[in-house]
N, C-alpha and C. Protein backbone atom coordinates (compact mmCIF):
# COMPACT_ATOMS: atom_id res chain seq x y z
N MET A 1 8.77 -10.17 19.20
CA MET A 1 7.95 -9.00 19.07
C MET A 1 7.25 -8.71 20.39
N HIS A 2 7.33 -7.45 20.87
CA HIS A 2 6.72 -7.08 22.13
C HIS A 2 5.55 -6.12 21.83
N ILE A 3 4.35 -6.53 22.21
CA ILE A 3 3.18 -5.74 21.97
C ILE A 3 2.64 -5.19 23.29
N GLN A 4 2.40 -3.90 23.36
CA GLN A 4 1.83 -3.29 24.54
C GLN A 4 0.36 -3.00 24.29
N TYR A 5 -0.53 -3.65 25.02
CA TYR A 5 -1.95 -3.48 24.81
C TYR A 5 -2.45 -2.31 25.65
N LEU A 6 -3.28 -1.48 25.02
CA LEU A 6 -3.86 -0.35 25.72
C LEU A 6 -5.08 -0.79 26.52
N PRO A 7 -5.46 0.00 27.53
CA PRO A 7 -6.53 -0.44 28.44
C PRO A 7 -7.88 -0.62 27.76
N HIS A 8 -8.23 0.29 26.87
CA HIS A 8 -9.56 0.23 26.28
C HIS A 8 -9.57 -0.75 25.11
N PRO A 9 -10.52 -1.68 25.05
CA PRO A 9 -10.52 -2.72 24.04
C PRO A 9 -10.71 -2.20 22.62
N ASP A 10 -11.25 -0.99 22.46
CA ASP A 10 -11.48 -0.48 21.12
C ASP A 10 -10.30 0.32 20.58
N GLN A 11 -9.27 0.51 21.40
CA GLN A 11 -8.12 1.31 20.99
C GLN A 11 -7.02 0.42 20.39
N PRO A 12 -6.19 0.98 19.48
CA PRO A 12 -5.10 0.20 18.92
C PRO A 12 -3.98 -0.02 19.93
N CYS A 13 -3.09 -0.94 19.64
CA CYS A 13 -1.94 -1.20 20.48
C CYS A 13 -0.67 -0.89 19.68
N VAL A 14 0.46 -0.92 20.35
CA VAL A 14 1.72 -0.59 19.70
C VAL A 14 2.12 -1.68 18.72
N ASP A 15 2.60 -1.27 17.56
CA ASP A 15 3.01 -2.20 16.51
C ASP A 15 4.47 -1.93 16.17
N HIS A 16 5.31 -2.94 16.34
CA HIS A 16 6.74 -2.79 16.08
C HIS A 16 7.16 -3.40 14.74
N ARG A 17 6.24 -3.88 13.95
CA ARG A 17 6.59 -4.61 12.74
C ARG A 17 7.31 -3.73 11.72
N PHE A 18 6.78 -2.54 11.44
CA PHE A 18 7.43 -1.67 10.47
C PHE A 18 8.74 -1.10 11.00
N SER A 19 8.77 -0.76 12.29
CA SER A 19 10.02 -0.23 12.86
C SER A 19 11.11 -1.30 12.88
N THR A 20 10.73 -2.54 13.06
CA THR A 20 11.71 -3.65 13.03
C THR A 20 12.28 -3.81 11.63
N LEU A 21 11.44 -3.68 10.61
CA LEU A 21 11.93 -3.78 9.23
C LEU A 21 12.94 -2.68 8.91
N LEU A 22 12.68 -1.46 9.40
CA LEU A 22 13.55 -0.34 9.10
C LEU A 22 14.79 -0.29 9.95
N GLY A 23 14.69 -0.76 11.21
CA GLY A 23 15.74 -0.56 12.17
C GLY A 23 15.54 0.76 12.88
N GLU A 24 16.00 0.82 14.12
CA GLU A 24 15.69 1.99 14.95
C GLU A 24 16.20 3.31 14.35
N GLU A 25 17.43 3.30 13.80
CA GLU A 25 18.00 4.53 13.27
C GLU A 25 17.16 5.09 12.13
N ASN A 26 16.77 4.24 11.19
CA ASN A 26 15.96 4.67 10.06
C ASN A 26 14.53 5.02 10.49
N TRP A 27 13.99 4.27 11.44
CA TRP A 27 12.65 4.54 11.95
C TRP A 27 12.58 5.96 12.52
N LEU A 28 13.59 6.36 13.24
CA LEU A 28 13.60 7.69 13.88
C LEU A 28 13.82 8.82 12.89
N LYS A 29 14.19 8.50 11.66
CA LYS A 29 14.29 9.52 10.61
C LYS A 29 12.90 10.03 10.20
N LEU A 30 11.90 9.22 10.39
CA LEU A 30 10.56 9.54 9.94
C LEU A 30 9.93 10.61 10.83
N PRO A 31 9.04 11.42 10.28
CA PRO A 31 8.27 12.35 11.10
C PRO A 31 7.43 11.59 12.13
N LYS A 32 7.18 12.23 13.25
CA LYS A 32 6.43 11.57 14.31
C LYS A 32 5.06 11.12 13.83
N ALA A 33 4.44 11.87 12.95
CA ALA A 33 3.11 11.52 12.47
C ALA A 33 3.12 10.20 11.72
N ILE A 34 4.15 9.97 10.89
CA ILE A 34 4.24 8.70 10.16
C ILE A 34 4.52 7.56 11.12
N ARG A 35 5.40 7.79 12.09
CA ARG A 35 5.67 6.74 13.09
C ARG A 35 4.41 6.40 13.86
N ARG A 36 3.58 7.39 14.11
CA ARG A 36 2.35 7.12 14.84
C ARG A 36 1.40 6.28 14.00
N ARG A 37 1.29 6.60 12.71
CA ARG A 37 0.34 5.87 11.85
C ARG A 37 0.79 4.42 11.64
N PHE A 38 2.10 4.21 11.43
CA PHE A 38 2.59 2.86 11.17
C PHE A 38 3.10 2.17 12.44
N GLY A 39 2.94 2.84 13.58
CA GLY A 39 3.34 2.22 14.83
C GLY A 39 2.16 1.84 15.71
N LYS A 40 0.97 1.84 15.11
CA LYS A 40 -0.20 1.39 15.86
C LYS A 40 -0.78 0.16 15.17
N ARG A 41 -1.30 -0.72 15.97
CA ARG A 41 -1.85 -1.98 15.44
C ARG A 41 -3.25 -2.15 15.97
N VAL A 42 -4.22 -2.12 15.05
CA VAL A 42 -5.61 -2.27 15.48
C VAL A 42 -5.84 -3.70 15.92
N ARG A 43 -6.71 -3.90 16.85
CA ARG A 43 -7.00 -5.24 17.34
C ARG A 43 -7.71 -6.06 16.27
N GLY A 44 -7.57 -7.35 16.36
CA GLY A 44 -8.15 -8.25 15.38
C GLY A 44 -9.63 -8.00 15.19
N GLY A 45 -10.04 -7.84 13.92
CA GLY A 45 -11.45 -7.58 13.61
C GLY A 45 -11.78 -6.12 13.50
N ALA A 46 -10.93 -5.23 14.03
CA ALA A 46 -11.16 -3.80 13.96
C ALA A 46 -10.49 -3.23 12.72
N SER A 47 -10.92 -2.03 12.31
CA SER A 47 -10.37 -1.39 11.13
C SER A 47 -10.09 0.08 11.41
N VAL A 48 -9.18 0.64 10.62
CA VAL A 48 -8.91 2.07 10.64
C VAL A 48 -9.10 2.59 9.22
N SER A 49 -9.83 3.70 9.07
CA SER A 49 -10.11 4.24 7.75
C SER A 49 -9.55 5.65 7.61
N TYR A 50 -9.07 5.96 6.43
CA TYR A 50 -8.56 7.28 6.09
C TYR A 50 -9.34 7.79 4.89
N GLN A 51 -9.86 8.99 4.98
CA GLN A 51 -10.65 9.59 3.90
C GLN A 51 -9.85 10.69 3.23
N GLY A 52 -10.01 10.79 1.90
CA GLY A 52 -9.27 11.81 1.19
C GLY A 52 -9.77 12.01 -0.22
N THR A 53 -8.89 12.52 -1.08
CA THR A 53 -9.24 12.84 -2.45
C THR A 53 -8.05 12.52 -3.37
N VAL A 54 -8.33 11.94 -4.52
CA VAL A 54 -7.30 11.72 -5.53
C VAL A 54 -6.97 13.06 -6.17
N THR A 55 -5.70 13.45 -6.15
CA THR A 55 -5.32 14.78 -6.65
C THR A 55 -4.63 14.72 -8.00
N ARG A 56 -4.10 13.57 -8.38
CA ARG A 56 -3.39 13.48 -9.67
C ARG A 56 -3.34 12.04 -10.14
N MET A 57 -3.46 11.85 -11.44
CA MET A 57 -3.28 10.52 -12.00
C MET A 57 -2.86 10.65 -13.45
N GLN A 58 -1.83 9.88 -13.84
CA GLN A 58 -1.34 9.90 -15.20
C GLN A 58 -1.01 8.48 -15.65
N MET A 59 -1.24 8.22 -16.92
CA MET A 59 -0.89 6.91 -17.52
C MET A 59 -0.42 7.16 -18.94
N ASN A 60 0.62 6.44 -19.37
CA ASN A 60 0.93 6.46 -20.79
C ASN A 60 0.16 5.31 -21.45
N TRP A 61 0.41 5.08 -22.72
CA TRP A 61 -0.35 4.07 -23.43
C TRP A 61 -0.15 2.68 -22.81
N ALA A 62 1.06 2.41 -22.36
CA ALA A 62 1.33 1.10 -21.74
C ALA A 62 0.61 0.99 -20.41
N GLY A 63 0.53 2.09 -19.68
CA GLY A 63 -0.20 2.07 -18.41
C GLY A 63 -1.67 1.81 -18.60
N ARG A 64 -2.24 2.40 -19.63
CA ARG A 64 -3.67 2.16 -19.91
C ARG A 64 -3.92 0.70 -20.22
N LEU A 65 -3.07 0.11 -21.05
CA LEU A 65 -3.24 -1.31 -21.41
C LEU A 65 -3.05 -2.18 -20.18
N LEU A 66 -2.01 -1.89 -19.39
CA LEU A 66 -1.73 -2.71 -18.21
C LEU A 66 -2.85 -2.63 -17.19
N ALA A 67 -3.32 -1.41 -16.92
CA ALA A 67 -4.37 -1.23 -15.93
C ALA A 67 -5.66 -1.96 -16.35
N GLN A 68 -5.98 -1.91 -17.64
CA GLN A 68 -7.18 -2.62 -18.11
C GLN A 68 -6.99 -4.10 -18.06
N ALA A 69 -5.81 -4.59 -18.44
CA ALA A 69 -5.54 -6.02 -18.40
C ALA A 69 -5.60 -6.54 -16.98
N CYS A 70 -5.14 -5.75 -16.01
CA CYS A 70 -5.14 -6.17 -14.61
C CYS A 70 -6.54 -6.27 -14.02
N ARG A 71 -7.52 -5.75 -14.72
CA ARG A 71 -8.92 -5.90 -14.23
C ARG A 71 -9.33 -7.38 -14.24
N LEU A 72 -8.62 -8.19 -15.03
CA LEU A 72 -8.92 -9.63 -15.07
C LEU A 72 -8.49 -10.33 -13.79
N ILE A 73 -7.59 -9.70 -13.02
CA ILE A 73 -7.11 -10.31 -11.77
C ILE A 73 -7.45 -9.43 -10.57
N GLY A 74 -8.53 -8.68 -10.69
CA GLY A 74 -9.02 -7.92 -9.53
C GLY A 74 -8.70 -6.44 -9.56
N ALA A 75 -8.15 -5.92 -10.62
CA ALA A 75 -7.88 -4.49 -10.79
C ALA A 75 -7.00 -3.93 -9.67
N PRO A 76 -5.77 -4.43 -9.51
CA PRO A 76 -4.90 -3.91 -8.45
C PRO A 76 -4.34 -2.53 -8.74
N LEU A 77 -4.43 -2.07 -9.99
CA LEU A 77 -3.96 -0.74 -10.36
C LEU A 77 -5.14 0.17 -10.70
N PRO A 78 -5.06 1.47 -10.35
CA PRO A 78 -6.14 2.38 -10.74
C PRO A 78 -6.21 2.47 -12.26
N TYR A 79 -7.44 2.47 -12.81
CA TYR A 79 -7.56 2.41 -14.25
C TYR A 79 -8.41 3.53 -14.85
N ASP A 80 -9.08 4.34 -14.02
CA ASP A 80 -10.00 5.35 -14.53
C ASP A 80 -9.46 6.74 -14.20
N LEU A 81 -9.10 7.50 -15.22
CA LEU A 81 -8.56 8.85 -15.01
C LEU A 81 -9.61 9.80 -14.42
N SER A 82 -10.87 9.43 -14.48
CA SER A 82 -11.92 10.29 -13.92
C SER A 82 -11.93 10.28 -12.39
N CYS A 83 -11.05 9.48 -11.78
CA CYS A 83 -11.01 9.44 -10.31
C CYS A 83 -10.38 10.70 -9.72
N VAL A 84 -9.71 11.51 -10.54
CA VAL A 84 -9.10 12.75 -10.04
C VAL A 84 -10.16 13.67 -9.50
N ASP A 85 -9.89 14.25 -8.33
CA ASP A 85 -10.82 15.15 -7.62
C ASP A 85 -12.04 14.41 -7.08
N LYS A 86 -11.99 13.09 -7.08
CA LYS A 86 -13.08 12.30 -6.50
C LYS A 86 -12.65 11.74 -5.15
N PRO A 87 -13.62 11.37 -4.30
CA PRO A 87 -13.28 10.86 -2.97
C PRO A 87 -12.50 9.55 -3.04
N ALA A 88 -11.62 9.37 -2.06
CA ALA A 88 -10.86 8.13 -1.91
C ALA A 88 -10.88 7.73 -0.45
N VAL A 89 -10.96 6.42 -0.20
CA VAL A 89 -10.98 5.91 1.16
C VAL A 89 -10.03 4.71 1.24
N VAL A 90 -9.21 4.69 2.28
CA VAL A 90 -8.31 3.55 2.54
C VAL A 90 -8.70 2.95 3.89
N THR A 91 -8.94 1.65 3.93
CA THR A 91 -9.29 0.96 5.17
C THR A 91 -8.27 -0.14 5.43
N VAL A 92 -7.74 -0.15 6.66
CA VAL A 92 -6.74 -1.15 7.07
C VAL A 92 -7.34 -2.01 8.18
N THR A 93 -7.33 -3.32 7.99
CA THR A 93 -7.86 -4.26 8.96
C THR A 93 -6.79 -5.28 9.32
N GLU A 94 -6.65 -5.55 10.60
CA GLU A 94 -5.64 -6.52 11.03
C GLU A 94 -6.03 -7.93 10.61
N ASP A 95 -5.07 -8.65 10.03
CA ASP A 95 -5.24 -10.04 9.64
C ASP A 95 -4.83 -10.91 10.83
N ILE A 96 -5.81 -11.43 11.55
CA ILE A 96 -5.54 -12.18 12.77
C ILE A 96 -4.74 -13.45 12.47
N ALA A 97 -5.15 -14.18 11.44
CA ALA A 97 -4.54 -15.47 11.18
C ALA A 97 -3.19 -15.34 10.50
N GLY A 98 -3.01 -14.30 9.66
CA GLY A 98 -1.81 -14.23 8.84
C GLY A 98 -0.75 -13.29 9.31
N ASN A 99 -0.87 -12.72 10.50
CA ASN A 99 0.12 -11.78 11.02
C ASN A 99 0.43 -10.69 9.98
N GLY A 100 -0.64 -10.08 9.49
CA GLY A 100 -0.47 -9.03 8.48
C GLY A 100 -1.63 -8.08 8.53
N GLN A 101 -1.87 -7.43 7.40
CA GLN A 101 -2.94 -6.43 7.30
C GLN A 101 -3.69 -6.60 5.97
N PHE A 102 -4.99 -6.41 6.03
CA PHE A 102 -5.80 -6.32 4.82
C PHE A 102 -6.00 -4.84 4.49
N TRP A 103 -5.75 -4.49 3.24
CA TRP A 103 -5.91 -3.13 2.79
C TRP A 103 -7.00 -3.06 1.72
N ILE A 104 -7.93 -2.12 1.86
CA ILE A 104 -8.95 -1.88 0.83
C ILE A 104 -8.86 -0.41 0.45
N ARG A 105 -8.64 -0.15 -0.84
CA ARG A 105 -8.60 1.20 -1.36
C ARG A 105 -9.81 1.43 -2.26
N GLN A 106 -10.54 2.49 -2.00
CA GLN A 106 -11.75 2.78 -2.75
C GLN A 106 -11.56 4.13 -3.46
N TYR A 107 -11.71 4.12 -4.80
CA TYR A 107 -11.54 5.31 -5.60
C TYR A 107 -12.86 5.67 -6.28
N GLY A 108 -13.36 6.87 -6.03
CA GLY A 108 -14.57 7.31 -6.70
C GLY A 108 -14.32 7.56 -8.17
N ARG A 109 -15.37 7.47 -8.97
CA ARG A 109 -15.27 7.65 -10.42
C ARG A 109 -16.36 8.60 -10.88
N ALA A 110 -16.23 9.12 -12.10
CA ALA A 110 -17.23 10.05 -12.63
C ALA A 110 -18.58 9.37 -12.82
N ALA A 111 -18.55 8.08 -13.10
CA ALA A 111 -19.81 7.33 -13.30
C ALA A 111 -19.58 5.89 -12.86
N GLY A 112 -20.64 5.25 -12.39
CA GLY A 112 -20.55 3.86 -12.00
C GLY A 112 -20.04 3.69 -10.58
N PHE A 113 -19.88 2.46 -10.19
CA PHE A 113 -19.42 2.15 -8.85
C PHE A 113 -17.96 2.53 -8.67
N PRO A 114 -17.53 2.83 -7.44
CA PRO A 114 -16.10 3.13 -7.19
C PRO A 114 -15.25 1.90 -7.50
N GLN A 115 -14.00 2.14 -7.83
CA GLN A 115 -13.07 1.04 -7.97
C GLN A 115 -12.60 0.60 -6.60
N MET A 116 -12.59 -0.70 -6.36
CA MET A 116 -12.14 -1.26 -5.10
C MET A 116 -10.86 -2.07 -5.34
N VAL A 117 -9.80 -1.74 -4.62
CA VAL A 117 -8.54 -2.45 -4.72
C VAL A 117 -8.29 -3.19 -3.42
N HIS A 118 -8.20 -4.50 -3.49
CA HIS A 118 -7.98 -5.32 -2.30
C HIS A 118 -6.56 -5.89 -2.32
N SER A 119 -5.89 -5.83 -1.18
CA SER A 119 -4.58 -6.45 -1.09
C SER A 119 -4.31 -6.87 0.36
N SER A 120 -3.33 -7.70 0.54
CA SER A 120 -2.96 -8.18 1.87
C SER A 120 -1.46 -8.02 2.05
N LYS A 121 -1.07 -7.30 3.10
CA LYS A 121 0.35 -7.18 3.44
C LYS A 121 0.69 -8.24 4.49
N ARG A 122 1.77 -8.97 4.24
CA ARG A 122 2.22 -9.99 5.17
C ARG A 122 3.69 -9.77 5.50
N PHE A 123 4.02 -9.91 6.76
CA PHE A 123 5.39 -9.70 7.21
C PHE A 123 6.15 -11.02 7.11
N SER A 124 6.53 -11.32 5.86
CA SER A 124 7.18 -12.61 5.59
C SER A 124 7.99 -12.47 4.30
N GLY A 125 8.63 -13.57 3.90
CA GLY A 125 9.37 -13.60 2.65
C GLY A 125 10.80 -13.08 2.79
N PRO A 126 11.56 -13.09 1.71
CA PRO A 126 12.99 -12.73 1.77
C PRO A 126 13.26 -11.29 2.19
N THR A 127 12.33 -10.37 1.91
CA THR A 127 12.53 -8.97 2.28
C THR A 127 11.84 -8.61 3.59
N GLY A 128 11.03 -9.52 4.12
CA GLY A 128 10.32 -9.28 5.36
C GLY A 128 8.94 -8.69 5.18
N LEU A 129 8.59 -8.31 3.95
CA LEU A 129 7.26 -7.74 3.69
C LEU A 129 6.83 -8.09 2.28
N GLU A 130 5.62 -8.62 2.17
CA GLU A 130 5.05 -8.99 0.86
C GLU A 130 3.63 -8.46 0.75
N GLU A 131 3.23 -8.17 -0.48
CA GLU A 131 1.86 -7.75 -0.72
C GLU A 131 1.23 -8.68 -1.73
N TYR A 132 0.05 -9.21 -1.39
CA TYR A 132 -0.67 -10.16 -2.23
C TYR A 132 -1.92 -9.48 -2.77
N ILE A 133 -2.20 -9.70 -4.05
CA ILE A 133 -3.40 -9.12 -4.65
C ILE A 133 -4.41 -10.19 -5.02
N GLY A 134 -4.12 -11.46 -4.71
CA GLY A 134 -5.01 -12.55 -5.07
C GLY A 134 -4.52 -13.29 -6.29
N TYR A 135 -5.19 -14.38 -6.62
CA TYR A 135 -4.83 -15.21 -7.76
C TYR A 135 -3.40 -15.74 -7.66
N GLY A 136 -2.88 -15.82 -6.44
CA GLY A 136 -1.55 -16.32 -6.22
C GLY A 136 -0.45 -15.34 -6.54
N ILE A 137 -0.79 -14.10 -6.91
CA ILE A 137 0.18 -13.11 -7.35
C ILE A 137 0.59 -12.23 -6.19
N GLY A 138 1.88 -12.00 -6.06
CA GLY A 138 2.37 -11.16 -4.97
C GLY A 138 3.59 -10.38 -5.36
N MET A 139 4.03 -9.54 -4.44
CA MET A 139 5.18 -8.67 -4.69
C MET A 139 5.96 -8.55 -3.39
N ALA A 140 7.26 -8.80 -3.45
CA ALA A 140 8.11 -8.58 -2.31
C ALA A 140 8.51 -7.11 -2.26
N LEU A 141 8.47 -6.53 -1.05
CA LEU A 141 8.70 -5.10 -0.89
C LEU A 141 9.88 -4.84 0.02
N THR A 142 10.62 -3.79 -0.29
CA THR A 142 11.60 -3.25 0.66
C THR A 142 11.07 -1.92 1.17
N VAL A 143 11.49 -1.55 2.38
CA VAL A 143 10.97 -0.33 3.02
C VAL A 143 12.13 0.62 3.25
N THR A 144 11.90 1.89 2.90
CA THR A 144 12.93 2.93 3.04
C THR A 144 12.34 4.13 3.75
N ALA A 145 13.14 4.72 4.65
CA ALA A 145 12.71 5.92 5.41
C ALA A 145 13.40 7.13 4.86
N GLN A 146 12.63 8.22 4.68
CA GLN A 146 13.18 9.52 4.35
C GLN A 146 12.76 10.53 5.40
N SER A 147 13.23 11.75 5.28
CA SER A 147 12.91 12.74 6.30
C SER A 147 11.44 13.11 6.33
N ASP A 148 10.74 12.88 5.19
CA ASP A 148 9.33 13.24 5.14
C ASP A 148 8.44 12.13 4.59
N ALA A 149 9.02 10.93 4.38
CA ALA A 149 8.23 9.90 3.74
C ALA A 149 8.69 8.50 4.09
N LEU A 150 7.76 7.56 4.02
CA LEU A 150 8.02 6.12 4.12
C LEU A 150 7.72 5.53 2.75
N LEU A 151 8.74 4.87 2.17
CA LEU A 151 8.61 4.36 0.80
C LEU A 151 8.62 2.84 0.79
N PHE A 152 7.71 2.27 0.00
CA PHE A 152 7.66 0.84 -0.22
C PHE A 152 8.02 0.58 -1.69
N LYS A 153 9.12 -0.17 -1.90
CA LYS A 153 9.62 -0.37 -3.24
C LYS A 153 9.58 -1.85 -3.60
N SER A 154 9.12 -2.12 -4.83
CA SER A 154 9.06 -3.51 -5.29
C SER A 154 10.47 -4.06 -5.45
N ASP A 155 10.68 -5.24 -4.88
CA ASP A 155 11.95 -5.95 -5.04
C ASP A 155 11.84 -6.97 -6.18
N HIS A 156 10.74 -7.72 -6.18
CA HIS A 156 10.45 -8.63 -7.27
C HIS A 156 8.98 -9.07 -7.15
N TYR A 157 8.47 -9.63 -8.25
CA TYR A 157 7.10 -10.15 -8.30
C TYR A 157 7.17 -11.67 -8.34
N PHE A 158 6.10 -12.31 -7.87
CA PHE A 158 6.06 -13.77 -7.86
C PHE A 158 4.63 -14.26 -7.98
N VAL A 159 4.49 -15.53 -8.28
CA VAL A 159 3.20 -16.18 -8.32
C VAL A 159 3.31 -17.53 -7.60
N SER A 160 2.31 -17.87 -6.82
CA SER A 160 2.30 -19.15 -6.10
C SER A 160 1.39 -20.12 -6.84
N VAL A 161 1.93 -21.26 -7.22
CA VAL A 161 1.18 -22.28 -7.94
C VAL A 161 1.32 -23.62 -7.21
N PHE A 162 0.21 -24.14 -6.71
CA PHE A 162 0.20 -25.42 -5.99
C PHE A 162 1.24 -25.41 -4.85
N GLY A 163 1.28 -24.31 -4.14
CA GLY A 163 2.18 -24.21 -3.01
C GLY A 163 3.61 -23.89 -3.35
N ARG A 164 3.91 -23.76 -4.63
CA ARG A 164 5.29 -23.45 -5.06
C ARG A 164 5.37 -21.99 -5.48
N ARG A 165 6.36 -21.30 -4.97
CA ARG A 165 6.57 -19.89 -5.26
C ARG A 165 7.49 -19.75 -6.47
N ILE A 166 7.00 -19.06 -7.50
CA ILE A 166 7.76 -18.88 -8.73
C ILE A 166 8.00 -17.40 -8.94
N ARG A 167 9.25 -17.04 -9.01
CA ARG A 167 9.60 -15.63 -9.23
C ARG A 167 9.39 -15.26 -10.69
N ILE A 168 8.72 -14.13 -10.91
CA ILE A 168 8.43 -13.66 -12.27
C ILE A 168 9.68 -12.97 -12.83
N PRO A 169 10.17 -13.37 -13.99
CA PRO A 169 11.36 -12.71 -14.58
C PRO A 169 11.13 -11.22 -14.78
N ASN A 170 12.18 -10.44 -14.62
CA ASN A 170 12.08 -9.00 -14.80
C ASN A 170 11.54 -8.62 -16.17
N LEU A 171 11.86 -9.44 -17.17
CA LEU A 171 11.40 -9.17 -18.52
C LEU A 171 9.88 -9.19 -18.61
N LEU A 172 9.23 -9.99 -17.77
CA LEU A 172 7.76 -10.12 -17.80
C LEU A 172 7.08 -9.30 -16.72
N ALA A 173 7.85 -8.69 -15.85
CA ALA A 173 7.28 -7.93 -14.74
C ALA A 173 6.77 -6.57 -15.23
N PRO A 174 5.79 -5.98 -14.53
CA PRO A 174 5.21 -4.71 -14.99
C PRO A 174 6.11 -3.51 -14.81
N GLY A 175 7.17 -3.63 -14.00
CA GLY A 175 8.06 -2.52 -13.78
C GLY A 175 8.37 -2.30 -12.33
N ALA A 176 9.12 -1.24 -12.04
CA ALA A 176 9.49 -0.90 -10.67
C ALA A 176 8.41 -0.05 -10.04
N LEU A 177 7.84 -0.53 -8.94
CA LEU A 177 6.77 0.16 -8.28
C LEU A 177 7.26 0.78 -6.98
N VAL A 178 6.91 2.05 -6.78
CA VAL A 178 7.23 2.75 -5.53
C VAL A 178 5.96 3.35 -4.99
N ILE A 179 5.62 2.98 -3.76
CA ILE A 179 4.45 3.54 -3.08
C ILE A 179 4.95 4.35 -1.90
N GLY A 180 4.49 5.59 -1.81
CA GLY A 180 4.99 6.47 -0.77
C GLY A 180 3.90 6.98 0.16
N HIS A 181 4.30 7.17 1.41
CA HIS A 181 3.44 7.79 2.44
C HIS A 181 4.20 9.05 2.89
N HIS A 182 3.74 10.23 2.43
CA HIS A 182 4.44 11.50 2.64
C HIS A 182 3.66 12.35 3.64
N ASP A 183 4.29 12.71 4.72
CA ASP A 183 3.59 13.52 5.72
C ASP A 183 3.51 14.97 5.24
N LEU A 184 2.31 15.57 5.36
CA LEU A 184 2.08 16.93 4.96
C LEU A 184 1.83 17.85 6.14
N GLY A 185 1.84 17.28 7.34
CA GLY A 185 1.57 18.09 8.52
C GLY A 185 0.08 18.29 8.77
N GLU A 186 -0.24 18.71 9.98
CA GLU A 186 -1.60 19.02 10.37
C GLU A 186 -2.56 17.85 10.13
N GLY A 187 -2.05 16.66 10.39
CA GLY A 187 -2.91 15.48 10.30
C GLY A 187 -3.25 15.03 8.90
N THR A 188 -2.46 15.43 7.91
CA THR A 188 -2.71 15.02 6.53
C THR A 188 -1.46 14.34 5.97
N PHE A 189 -1.64 13.50 4.95
CA PHE A 189 -0.53 12.86 4.28
C PHE A 189 -0.89 12.58 2.84
N ARG A 190 0.16 12.45 2.01
CA ARG A 190 -0.02 12.17 0.58
C ARG A 190 0.37 10.73 0.30
N PHE A 191 -0.50 10.02 -0.36
CA PHE A 191 -0.22 8.67 -0.85
C PHE A 191 0.22 8.82 -2.29
N SER A 192 1.36 8.23 -2.64
CA SER A 192 1.85 8.30 -4.02
C SER A 192 2.10 6.91 -4.55
N LEU A 193 1.83 6.73 -5.83
CA LEU A 193 2.08 5.46 -6.53
C LEU A 193 2.79 5.78 -7.83
N GLN A 194 3.93 5.17 -8.06
CA GLN A 194 4.68 5.41 -9.27
C GLN A 194 5.17 4.08 -9.84
N LEU A 195 4.79 3.78 -11.07
CA LEU A 195 5.22 2.56 -11.73
C LEU A 195 6.03 2.93 -12.98
N ASP A 196 7.31 2.55 -12.99
CA ASP A 196 8.20 2.87 -14.09
C ASP A 196 8.74 1.57 -14.70
N HIS A 197 8.87 1.58 -16.00
CA HIS A 197 9.40 0.42 -16.72
C HIS A 197 10.66 0.82 -17.48
N LYS A 198 11.58 -0.12 -17.54
CA LYS A 198 12.90 0.18 -18.15
C LYS A 198 12.75 0.66 -19.57
N TRP A 199 11.83 0.07 -20.34
CA TRP A 199 11.68 0.42 -21.75
C TRP A 199 10.41 1.21 -22.04
N LEU A 200 9.41 1.08 -21.17
CA LEU A 200 8.12 1.74 -21.43
C LEU A 200 7.95 3.06 -20.73
N GLY A 201 8.97 3.43 -19.90
CA GLY A 201 8.95 4.74 -19.26
C GLY A 201 8.03 4.81 -18.05
N ALA A 202 7.50 6.02 -17.79
CA ALA A 202 6.60 6.26 -16.66
C ALA A 202 5.24 5.68 -17.02
N VAL A 203 4.97 4.48 -16.56
CA VAL A 203 3.77 3.75 -16.97
C VAL A 203 2.52 4.33 -16.30
N LEU A 204 2.59 4.54 -14.99
CA LEU A 204 1.40 4.98 -14.27
C LEU A 204 1.82 5.69 -12.99
N SER A 205 1.11 6.74 -12.62
CA SER A 205 1.37 7.43 -11.36
C SER A 205 0.06 7.99 -10.82
N GLN A 206 0.00 8.09 -9.50
CA GLN A 206 -1.21 8.58 -8.84
C GLN A 206 -0.83 9.20 -7.50
N ASP A 207 -1.51 10.29 -7.16
CA ASP A 207 -1.36 10.93 -5.86
C ASP A 207 -2.74 11.10 -5.24
N ALA A 208 -2.83 10.94 -3.94
CA ALA A 208 -4.06 11.21 -3.20
C ALA A 208 -3.70 11.77 -1.84
N VAL A 209 -4.50 12.68 -1.33
CA VAL A 209 -4.26 13.30 -0.03
C VAL A 209 -5.33 12.82 0.94
N PHE A 210 -4.88 12.37 2.12
CA PHE A 210 -5.78 11.83 3.14
C PHE A 210 -5.61 12.55 4.45
N THR A 211 -6.62 12.41 5.31
CA THR A 211 -6.55 12.94 6.66
C THR A 211 -6.49 11.79 7.66
N ASP A 212 -5.93 12.07 8.82
CA ASP A 212 -5.77 11.03 9.83
C ASP A 212 -7.09 10.42 10.27
N ALA A 213 -7.03 9.13 10.58
CA ALA A 213 -8.19 8.44 11.12
C ALA A 213 -8.50 8.95 12.53
N LYS A 214 -9.73 8.86 12.92
CA LYS A 214 -10.16 9.38 14.23
C LYS A 214 -10.07 8.32 15.31
N VAL A 215 -8.91 7.63 15.38
CA VAL A 215 -8.68 6.65 16.46
C VAL A 215 -7.29 6.88 17.01
């Protein structure tokens, strides 16, 4: 990996991790704005924040049950439909020790404190990218480039117990998850989350629109 550091210590440097996962041909399919967002690496200890608004959220009965049950392990899925039209903030911080990124998603609600979703992306595992939500639970991701979007798709789920990685059978998994970063132009992008299950249908979906960080 070749990293080019910029002169000013508060500025990000070039990040080749996502482009390496995609390969040059697929990386160049993406809009320049997406390549810019995922091609910069903030220095250790620094963060980049994106502010926006949740524009849509839907859950069927299974999604409601799953989202509430997941609150026992840190609420990795949005669970409150009142977050629509409320502020949303995403903060990305470089993980110095783990060669990855810490992600914090904050969703406003009609009442009470905002929902906070914590996760860690690590460039490791059989697919080259994994997301951990804590409690030893993680998800291996594949990355796909489209003409207007970068998609992260669940390959499989796993749990780590006493240092041993155990793959969760598809029968017990929550479903196929697709997270999208869609460029909208003029410094804005749409974050999409779609969770579908073979038998339970469209379990949960969410859209939010964000503006570029000022770095």
